[in-house]
Amino acid sequence: MTDFEKMKATIAGDIPLMVEMEKILTAIPAMAPESGGKGEMEKCAALESHLRKLGFADGAVSFERFDADDERVPQGKRPNLVVTVPGKKDDFSIWVMAHLDVVPPGDLAMWESDPWTVVEKDGKLFGRGVEDNQQGLVSGVFAAKALLDNGIVPEHTVKLLFMADEEFGSEYGIKFLLKKHPALFRKEDIIIIPDGGDPKGETIEVAEKNILWLRLHTTGLQSHGSMPNKGKNAFLAGCELALSLNDLEHFFGERDEMFSPAWSTFQPTKKSANVETVNIIPGDDVFFMDCRILPRYTLKEVRAEIDKRVAAIEAKHGVKIEVEELQHQESPATSADAPVVRRLKDAIKKAHGIEARPIGIGGGTVGAELRNLGFDAAIWSTMDEVCHQPNEYCIVRNIATDAETLAALFTTE
């Protein structure tokens, strides 16, 4: 048997252990303090303890912690754990990055079971975090375990990174690591982030749309509903502004079929309440925009056009409009021909006979932080993408499927 075939057999036999690990991790609600949680420390400690029980012993592997200070959590720190399996060569490392934190369960009435207790049914595991991001976490663990169980030294050093704070901006996770511990990563490294994908595992995310979230506050002059001539209708101005900004979808109108949808989107979303009764012309209005922009357009370009359109509405209606950016993110794409993409495509084909293809997405991942500093990263997994939903689930077989792909990656020169 080849090394890959040995690992594949081990992974198949470890499926009950994968389920057990999901249950252990789900039982610890690793929520951020923004959600009223205590952070990831307890979950990280349980993970490290369980890894040692699974055979990740000092000598064969190394454990390193890179904790970020955060006085909002009981332990005062947010953990980032790196587990290293030395390879035959250390010219580059293969990283498998997963995050420890989860989002709150939301409305418990929408759940058919306790979100913190895994329920196994019809080949699926139900519980908060089982897919986002424990599926990828467990896949990485059991691919590495298959190396250790078979006494196989990977072709290149393998590093498993378990990060904090992905769900609320990564200030205590990947951003912290890149800022405070930049020597952890090398430009030659192969960085895999199993935190997004499709049901067949045939897409590799290499690019993200630029993100711009806006709060637009229009101040006019309140008056009686029968005398609009004495007021300045902030709601009316806000409506016209919303339509004008939505029209940016035509102004920045190029398409890129790698993305779905293939165009930049500028969508009005949340609307704040203004006046209490029907017979009042509102002098104050607030609405929000969620903009997802193809990376061929810079946020600088977009901001300049938004400023022009805001000024035009202000002049027409005699109002004042304040534009606040709630979030912004832009990053270059990883080349579809980058080593990480080529190696991952080859591993997927070797393990499952699937011809994977590169895509772009409208959401944001930690991949953007890495790409902005010149590190190529690929986001990939085999999943239904039910993250953040009530009754979140993962398909048990998908955990093993992705572990097999990683096994193929680890055993390739």
Protein backbone atom coordinates (compact mmCIF):
# COMPACT_ATOMS: atom_id res chain seq x y z
CA MET A 1 0.00 0.00 0.00
CA THR A 2 1.12 3.56 -0.66
CA ASP A 3 1.36 6.03 2.20
CA PHE A 4 -1.83 7.70 0.95
CA GLU A 5 -3.70 4.37 0.86
CA LYS A 6 -2.59 3.59 4.41
CA MET A 7 -3.78 7.00 5.60
CA LYS A 8 -7.09 6.65 3.76
CA ALA A 9 -7.75 3.32 5.50
CA THR A 10 -6.91 4.84 8.88
CA ILE A 11 -9.22 7.80 8.25
CA ALA A 12 -12.10 5.46 7.35
CA GLY A 13 -11.65 3.62 10.63
CA ASP A 14 -11.49 6.87 12.61
CA ILE A 15 -14.94 8.17 11.69
CA PRO A 16 -16.42 7.28 15.14
CA LEU A 17 -13.55 9.24 16.74
CA MET A 18 -14.36 12.22 14.52
CA VAL A 19 -17.92 12.18 15.79
CA GLU A 20 -16.66 11.94 19.37
CA MET A 21 -14.40 14.96 18.86
CA GLU A 22 -17.25 17.01 17.41
CA LYS A 23 -19.30 16.21 20.51
CA ILE A 24 -16.51 17.25 22.86
CA LEU A 25 -15.91 20.56 21.10
CA THR A 26 -19.57 21.47 20.62
CA ALA A 27 -20.25 21.05 24.34
CA ILE A 28 -18.00 24.07 25.04
CA PRO A 29 -19.69 27.30 23.81
CA ALA A 30 -16.62 29.23 22.62
CA MET A 31 -18.40 32.51 21.95
CA ALA A 32 -16.74 35.91 21.78
CA PRO A 33 -17.31 38.54 24.49
CA GLU A 34 -19.27 40.54 21.89
CA SER A 35 -21.84 37.75 22.13
CA GLY A 36 -21.68 37.55 25.91
CA GLY A 37 -19.28 34.61 25.77
CA LYS A 38 -16.08 33.74 27.60
CA GLY A 39 -13.87 33.29 24.55
CA GLU A 40 -12.08 30.17 23.35
CA MET A 41 -9.71 29.29 26.20
CA GLU A 42 -11.70 26.39 27.65
CA LYS A 43 -12.27 24.91 24.20
CA CYS A 44 -8.60 25.27 23.30
CA ALA A 45 -7.55 23.48 26.50
CA ALA A 46 -10.00 20.64 25.82
CA LEU A 47 -8.74 20.40 22.24
CA GLU A 48 -5.09 20.19 23.27
CA SER A 49 -5.88 17.56 25.91
CA HIS A 50 -7.84 15.50 23.39
CA LEU A 51 -5.10 15.76 20.77
CA ARG A 52 -2.62 14.26 23.23
CA LYS A 53 -5.02 11.39 23.91
CA LEU A 54 -5.26 10.80 20.16
CA GLY A 55 -1.49 10.36 19.92
CA PHE A 56 -0.27 13.90 19.31
CA ALA A 57 2.54 13.47 21.84
CA ASP A 58 5.50 15.73 22.45
CA GLY A 59 8.44 14.49 20.41
CA ALA A 60 6.38 13.45 17.42
CA VAL A 61 4.76 16.89 17.28
CA SER A 62 5.14 20.27 18.94
CA PHE A 63 2.52 22.48 20.57
CA GLU A 64 2.92 26.27 20.60
CA ARG A 65 0.53 28.88 21.96
CA PHE A 66 0.33 32.46 20.78
CA ASP A 67 -2.21 34.11 23.06
CA ALA A 68 -3.62 37.59 22.57
CA ASP A 69 -4.45 39.72 25.62
CA ASP A 70 -8.16 40.46 26.03
CA GLU A 71 -9.31 41.72 29.43
CA ARG A 72 -12.96 41.14 28.50
CA VAL A 73 -12.68 37.35 28.97
CA PRO A 74 -12.17 35.58 32.34
CA GLN A 75 -8.66 34.28 31.56
CA GLY A 76 -7.61 37.62 30.07
CA LYS A 77 -6.35 35.96 26.89
CA ARG A 78 -7.59 34.59 23.56
CA PRO A 79 -5.73 31.43 22.47
CA ASN A 80 -4.10 30.61 19.14
CA LEU A 81 -2.63 27.10 19.05
CA VAL A 82 -0.15 25.78 16.48
CA VAL A 83 0.52 22.04 16.26
CA THR A 84 3.48 21.10 14.07
CA VAL A 85 4.22 17.72 12.47
CA PRO A 86 7.79 17.87 11.11
CA GLY A 87 8.24 16.88 7.48
CA LYS A 88 11.01 15.39 5.39
CA LYS A 89 11.59 18.90 4.05
CA ASP A 90 10.98 22.27 5.61
CA ASP A 91 11.34 24.38 2.47
CA PHE A 92 7.70 25.29 3.05
CA SER A 93 4.96 24.31 5.47
CA ILE A 94 1.44 23.14 4.70
CA TRP A 95 -0.98 25.00 6.97
CA VAL A 96 -4.51 23.89 7.77
CA MET A 97 -6.20 26.81 9.54
CA ALA A 98 -9.46 26.53 11.49
CA HIS A 99 -11.08 28.81 14.04
CA LEU A 100 -12.19 27.87 17.53
CA ASP A 101 -14.94 30.43 18.09
CA VAL A 102 -18.59 30.01 17.15
CA VAL A 103 -21.56 32.34 16.82
CA PRO A 104 -24.47 32.28 19.28
CA PRO A 105 -27.30 29.83 18.56
CA GLY A 106 -29.86 32.60 18.06
CA ASP A 107 -33.54 31.88 18.68
CA LEU A 108 -33.59 28.56 20.55
CA ALA A 109 -37.19 28.01 19.45
CA MET A 110 -35.84 27.53 15.92
CA TRP A 111 -33.67 24.60 17.02
CA GLU A 112 -34.97 21.05 17.08
CA SER A 113 -32.37 20.07 19.70
CA ASP A 114 -29.97 21.62 22.21
CA PRO A 115 -27.41 23.51 20.08
CA TRP A 116 -24.60 22.60 22.51
CA THR A 117 -25.29 18.86 22.43
CA VAL A 118 -24.49 17.08 19.17
CA VAL A 119 -27.32 14.98 17.77
CA GLU A 120 -26.40 12.38 15.15
CA LYS A 121 -29.14 11.62 12.66
CA ASP A 122 -29.24 10.35 9.07
CA GLY A 123 -25.48 10.68 8.63
CA LYS A 124 -25.43 14.25 9.93
CA LEU A 125 -24.29 15.92 13.14
CA PHE A 126 -26.48 18.76 14.41
CA GLY A 127 -25.18 21.46 16.76
CA ARG A 128 -23.73 24.94 16.87
CA GLY A 129 -20.28 24.96 15.33
CA VAL A 130 -20.29 21.42 13.92
CA GLU A 131 -19.74 22.80 10.41
CA ASP A 132 -18.44 26.30 11.19
CA ASN A 133 -15.61 25.57 11.76
CA GLN A 134 -15.29 22.24 13.55
CA GLN A 135 -15.72 20.20 10.40
CA GLY A 136 -12.54 21.67 8.91
CA LEU A 137 -10.80 21.55 12.28
CA VAL A 138 -11.55 17.84 12.75
CA SER A 139 -10.61 17.00 9.15
CA GLY A 140 -7.20 18.56 9.65
CA VAL A 141 -6.69 16.77 12.96
CA PHE A 142 -7.51 13.32 11.59
CA ALA A 143 -5.43 13.77 8.44
CA ALA A 144 -2.47 14.56 10.70
CA LYS A 145 -3.39 11.69 13.05
CA ALA A 146 -3.27 9.29 10.08
CA LEU A 147 0.32 10.38 9.49
CA LEU A 148 1.25 9.66 13.10
CA ASP A 149 -0.65 6.37 13.35
CA ASN A 150 1.15 4.99 10.31
CA GLY A 151 4.57 6.36 11.20
CA ILE A 152 4.57 8.42 8.01
CA VAL A 153 6.73 11.54 7.83
CA PRO A 154 4.97 14.05 5.58
CA GLU A 155 6.82 15.29 2.52
CA HIS A 156 6.72 18.83 3.93
CA THR A 157 6.14 20.13 7.45
CA VAL A 158 2.46 20.20 8.41
CA LYS A 159 1.08 22.89 10.72
CA LEU A 160 -2.41 22.92 12.20
CA LEU A 161 -3.52 26.37 13.37
CA PHE A 162 -6.49 26.73 15.70
CA MET A 163 -7.40 30.42 15.80
CA ALA A 164 -9.44 32.71 18.01
CA ASP A 165 -11.86 35.46 17.07
CA GLU A 166 -12.72 34.70 13.44
CA GLU A 167 -16.41 35.52 13.88
CA PHE A 168 -15.83 39.08 15.13
CA GLY A 169 -13.03 40.44 12.99
CA SER A 170 -9.96 38.31 13.90
CA GLU A 171 -8.28 41.05 15.95
CA TYR A 172 -7.25 38.39 18.48
CA GLY A 173 -6.71 35.70 15.86
CA ILE A 174 -5.08 35.90 12.44
CA LYS A 175 -4.62 39.70 12.57
CA PHE A 176 -2.84 39.35 15.91
CA LEU A 177 -0.60 36.57 14.57
CA LEU A 178 0.30 38.46 11.41
CA LYS A 179 1.12 41.60 13.37
CA LYS A 180 2.84 40.20 16.45
CA HIS A 181 4.29 36.94 15.08
CA PRO A 182 4.95 37.58 11.38
CA ALA A 183 7.78 35.03 11.25
CA LEU A 184 5.22 32.22 11.67
CA PHE A 185 4.41 32.33 7.96
CA ARG A 186 6.55 32.26 4.83
CA LYS A 187 5.55 33.39 1.35
CA GLU A 188 6.30 29.87 0.09
CA ASP A 189 3.87 28.22 2.54
CA ILE A 190 0.79 26.35 1.35
CA ILE A 191 -2.14 27.80 3.31
CA ILE A 192 -5.45 25.91 3.32
CA ILE A 193 -8.49 27.31 5.16
CA PRO A 194 -11.32 24.71 5.27
CA ASP A 195 -14.01 27.26 6.12
CA GLY A 196 -16.15 27.47 3.01
CA GLY A 197 -16.98 25.36 0.02
CA ASP A 198 -19.68 23.43 -1.76
CA PRO A 199 -21.45 20.06 -1.39
CA LYS A 200 -19.07 18.32 -3.80
CA GLY A 201 -15.82 19.91 -2.64
CA GLU A 202 -15.05 20.99 -6.19
CA THR A 203 -14.54 24.74 -5.73
CA ILE A 204 -11.45 26.51 -4.39
CA GLU A 205 -12.04 30.08 -3.26
CA VAL A 206 -9.15 32.29 -4.39
CA ALA A 207 -10.72 35.76 -4.34
CA GLU A 208 -13.20 37.82 -2.36
CA LYS A 209 -15.25 40.80 -3.32
CA ASN A 210 -14.24 44.00 -1.57
CA ILE A 211 -16.62 44.77 1.27
CA LEU A 212 -18.03 48.15 2.26
CA TRP A 213 -20.75 48.56 4.89
CA LEU A 214 -22.21 52.04 5.25
CA ARG A 215 -24.47 53.91 7.65
CA LEU A 216 -26.04 56.94 5.97
CA HIS A 217 -27.56 59.57 8.24
CA THR A 218 -29.61 62.31 6.57
CA THR A 219 -30.52 65.44 8.55
CA GLY A 220 -33.23 67.68 7.17
CA LEU A 221 -35.96 69.76 8.87
CA GLN A 222 -39.06 68.30 10.53
CA SER A 223 -42.45 69.84 9.75
CA HIS A 224 -46.15 69.06 9.72
CA GLY A 225 -47.26 66.53 7.13
CA SER A 226 -49.58 69.10 5.53
CA MET A 227 -46.79 71.65 5.12
CA PRO A 228 -43.83 69.93 3.46
CA ASN A 229 -42.79 73.32 2.09
CA LYS A 230 -41.73 74.29 5.62
CA GLY A 231 -39.56 71.22 6.08
CA LYS A 232 -36.78 69.30 4.43
CA ASN A 233 -37.86 65.68 4.09
CA ALA A 234 -34.91 63.59 5.25
CA PHE A 235 -36.74 60.35 4.43
CA LEU A 236 -37.38 61.44 0.85
CA ALA A 237 -33.73 62.45 0.43
CA GLY A 238 -32.63 59.17 1.97
CA CYS A 239 -34.83 57.19 -0.43
CA GLU A 240 -33.39 59.01 -3.43
CA LEU A 241 -29.88 58.44 -2.07
CA ALA A 242 -30.58 54.73 -1.61
CA LEU A 243 -31.69 54.46 -5.24
CA SER A 244 -28.69 56.45 -6.41
CA LEU A 245 -26.26 54.24 -4.52
CA ASN A 246 -28.02 51.09 -5.71
CA ASP A 247 -27.46 52.39 -9.25
CA LEU A 248 -23.70 51.98 -8.64
CA GLU A 249 -24.30 48.38 -9.72
CA HIS A 250 -24.58 49.81 -13.24
CA PHE A 251 -21.83 52.42 -12.84
CA PHE A 252 -19.34 49.76 -11.68
CA GLY A 253 -20.94 47.38 -14.10
CA GLU A 254 -18.26 44.94 -15.26
CA ARG A 255 -18.85 41.24 -14.71
CA ASP A 256 -16.60 38.41 -13.56
CA GLU A 257 -18.10 34.96 -13.94
CA MET A 258 -15.76 33.56 -11.30
CA PHE A 259 -18.11 35.17 -8.76
CA SER A 260 -21.78 34.55 -8.02
CA PRO A 261 -23.42 36.93 -8.61
CA ALA A 262 -20.96 37.99 -11.30
CA TRP A 263 -21.36 41.73 -10.67
CA SER A 264 -20.73 44.22 -7.88
CA THR A 265 -23.70 44.64 -5.56
CA PHE A 266 -24.74 47.84 -3.75
CA GLN A 267 -27.78 46.96 -1.66
CA PRO A 268 -29.77 49.08 0.82
CA THR A 269 -30.48 46.85 3.81
CA LYS A 270 -31.33 47.96 7.34
CA LYS A 271 -33.66 50.94 7.93
CA SER A 272 -33.96 52.81 11.22
CA ALA A 273 -37.24 54.23 12.51
CA ASN A 274 -37.73 57.97 12.08
CA VAL A 275 -40.97 59.70 13.16
CA GLU A 276 -43.78 58.45 15.41
CA THR A 277 -46.87 59.40 13.41
CA VAL A 278 -48.01 59.61 9.80
CA ASN A 279 -48.52 63.41 9.80
CA ILE A 280 -44.88 64.36 10.44
CA ILE A 281 -42.34 65.19 7.75
CA PRO A 282 -39.19 63.51 9.07
CA GLY A 283 -36.13 65.66 9.66
CA ASP A 284 -33.93 62.69 10.41
CA ASP A 285 -33.38 59.46 8.50
CA VAL A 286 -30.90 56.58 8.76
CA PHE A 287 -30.39 53.62 6.46
CA PHE A 288 -27.58 51.15 5.77
CA MET A 289 -25.85 49.71 2.70
CA ASP A 290 -24.07 46.38 2.18
CA CYS A 291 -21.72 46.72 -0.81
CA ARG A 292 -19.80 43.75 -2.29
CA ILE A 293 -17.49 44.97 -5.03
CA LEU A 294 -15.49 43.07 -7.61
CA PRO A 295 -11.78 43.34 -6.77
CA ARG A 296 -11.06 45.04 -10.11
CA TYR A 297 -12.56 48.18 -8.50
CA THR A 298 -10.78 49.76 -5.55
CA LEU A 299 -12.62 51.09 -2.54
CA LYS A 300 -10.95 54.44 -3.25
CA GLU A 301 -12.77 54.59 -6.60
CA VAL A 302 -16.05 53.57 -5.00
CA ARG A 303 -15.78 56.10 -2.17
CA ALA A 304 -15.13 58.91 -4.65
CA GLU A 305 -18.29 58.12 -6.64
CA ILE A 306 -20.35 57.75 -3.44
CA ASP A 307 -19.16 61.21 -2.33
CA LYS A 308 -20.31 62.72 -5.64
CA ARG A 309 -23.77 61.19 -5.34
CA VAL A 310 -24.13 62.19 -1.70
CA ALA A 311 -23.21 65.79 -2.57
CA ALA A 312 -25.78 65.84 -5.37
CA ILE A 313 -28.59 64.72 -3.02
CA GLU A 314 -27.53 67.23 -0.38
CA ALA A 315 -27.68 70.05 -2.93
CA LYS A 316 -31.03 68.97 -4.38
CA HIS A 317 -32.86 68.53 -1.06
CA GLY A 318 -31.03 71.00 1.15
CA VAL A 319 -30.07 68.30 3.66
CA LYS A 320 -26.87 67.17 5.35
CA ILE A 321 -25.75 63.55 4.90
CA GLU A 322 -23.21 61.85 7.14
CA VAL A 323 -21.56 58.71 5.74
CA GLU A 324 -20.06 56.29 8.26
CA GLU A 325 -18.12 53.17 7.28
CA LEU A 326 -19.04 50.30 9.59
CA GLN A 327 -16.74 47.82 7.86
CA HIS A 328 -14.38 47.78 4.92
CA GLN A 329 -12.15 45.08 3.49
CA GLU A 330 -10.31 44.67 0.24
CA SER A 331 -7.71 42.16 -0.82
CA PRO A 332 -5.96 40.91 -3.94
CA ALA A 333 -6.83 37.54 -5.39
CA THR A 334 -4.69 34.44 -5.06
CA SER A 335 -3.64 33.47 -8.59
CA ALA A 336 -5.51 30.48 -9.99
CA ASP A 337 -2.06 29.17 -10.88
CA ALA A 338 -0.52 29.69 -7.43
CA PRO A 339 1.20 26.64 -5.85
CA VAL A 340 -1.48 26.35 -3.16
CA VAL A 341 -4.21 26.13 -5.81
CA ARG A 342 -2.31 23.68 -8.00
CA ARG A 343 -1.41 21.41 -5.10
CA LEU A 344 -4.92 21.45 -3.68
CA LYS A 345 -6.45 20.69 -7.10
CA ASP A 346 -4.04 17.79 -7.53
CA ALA A 347 -4.87 16.44 -4.05
CA ILE A 348 -8.63 16.64 -4.67
CA LYS A 349 -8.21 14.78 -7.96
CA LYS A 350 -5.92 12.17 -6.39
CA ALA A 351 -8.27 11.54 -3.46
CA HIS A 352 -11.64 11.74 -5.23
CA GLY A 353 -11.17 12.08 -8.99
CA ILE A 354 -12.74 15.54 -8.96
CA GLU A 355 -11.54 18.37 -11.21
CA ALA A 356 -11.76 21.35 -8.85
CA ARG A 357 -12.05 24.92 -10.15
CA PRO A 358 -11.15 28.32 -8.65
CA ILE A 359 -13.96 30.73 -7.71
CA GLY A 360 -14.52 34.07 -6.02
CA ILE A 361 -17.02 34.78 -3.23
CA GLY A 362 -18.94 37.75 -1.92
CA GLY A 363 -18.31 36.99 1.75
CA GLY A 364 -15.20 37.62 3.80
CA THR A 365 -12.70 35.16 5.28
CA VAL A 366 -9.37 35.32 7.09
CA GLY A 367 -7.84 34.61 3.68
CA ALA A 368 -8.13 38.34 2.93
CA GLU A 369 -5.81 39.21 5.82
CA LEU A 370 -3.18 36.81 4.51
CA ARG A 371 -3.51 37.91 0.88
CA ASN A 372 -3.09 41.55 1.82
CA LEU A 373 0.36 40.71 3.15
CA GLY A 374 1.36 38.65 0.13
CA PHE A 375 0.52 35.16 1.42
CA ASP A 376 -1.40 32.97 -1.02
CA ALA A 377 -4.36 31.23 0.62
CA ALA A 378 -7.11 28.92 -0.59
CA ILE A 379 -10.48 28.40 1.09
CA TRP A 380 -12.02 25.00 0.42
CA SER A 381 -14.17 22.29 1.98
CA THR A 382 -16.91 19.79 1.19
CA MET A 383 -19.96 21.25 2.90
CA ASP A 384 -23.56 22.37 2.54
CA GLU A 385 -22.70 25.78 4.07
CA VAL A 386 -25.36 25.98 6.78
CA CYS A 387 -23.15 28.05 9.08
CA HIS A 388 -24.92 30.46 11.48
CA GLN A 389 -28.29 28.84 10.78
CA PRO A 390 -30.59 27.17 13.32
CA ASN A 391 -30.05 23.39 13.28
CA GLU A 392 -26.57 23.81 11.84
CA TYR A 393 -25.24 20.47 10.68
CA CYS A 394 -22.32 18.79 9.01
CA ILE A 395 -22.35 15.58 7.04
CA VAL A 396 -20.18 13.02 8.83
CA ARG A 397 -18.79 11.61 5.60
CA ASN A 398 -17.61 15.10 4.58
CA ILE A 399 -15.23 15.21 7.55
CA ALA A 400 -13.52 12.04 6.35
CA THR A 401 -13.68 13.12 2.69
CA ASP A 402 -11.76 16.31 3.42
CA ALA A 403 -9.30 14.47 5.67
CA GLU A 404 -8.57 12.19 2.70
CA THR A 405 -7.86 15.20 0.47
CA LEU A 406 -5.49 16.59 3.10
CA ALA A 407 -3.82 13.18 3.36
CA ALA A 408 -3.16 13.30 -0.38
CA LEU A 409 -1.74 16.80 0.03
CA PHE A 410 0.52 15.79 2.92
CA THR A 411 2.00 12.83 1.02
CA THR A 412 2.79 14.68 -2.23
CA GLU A 413 6.35 15.84 -2.91
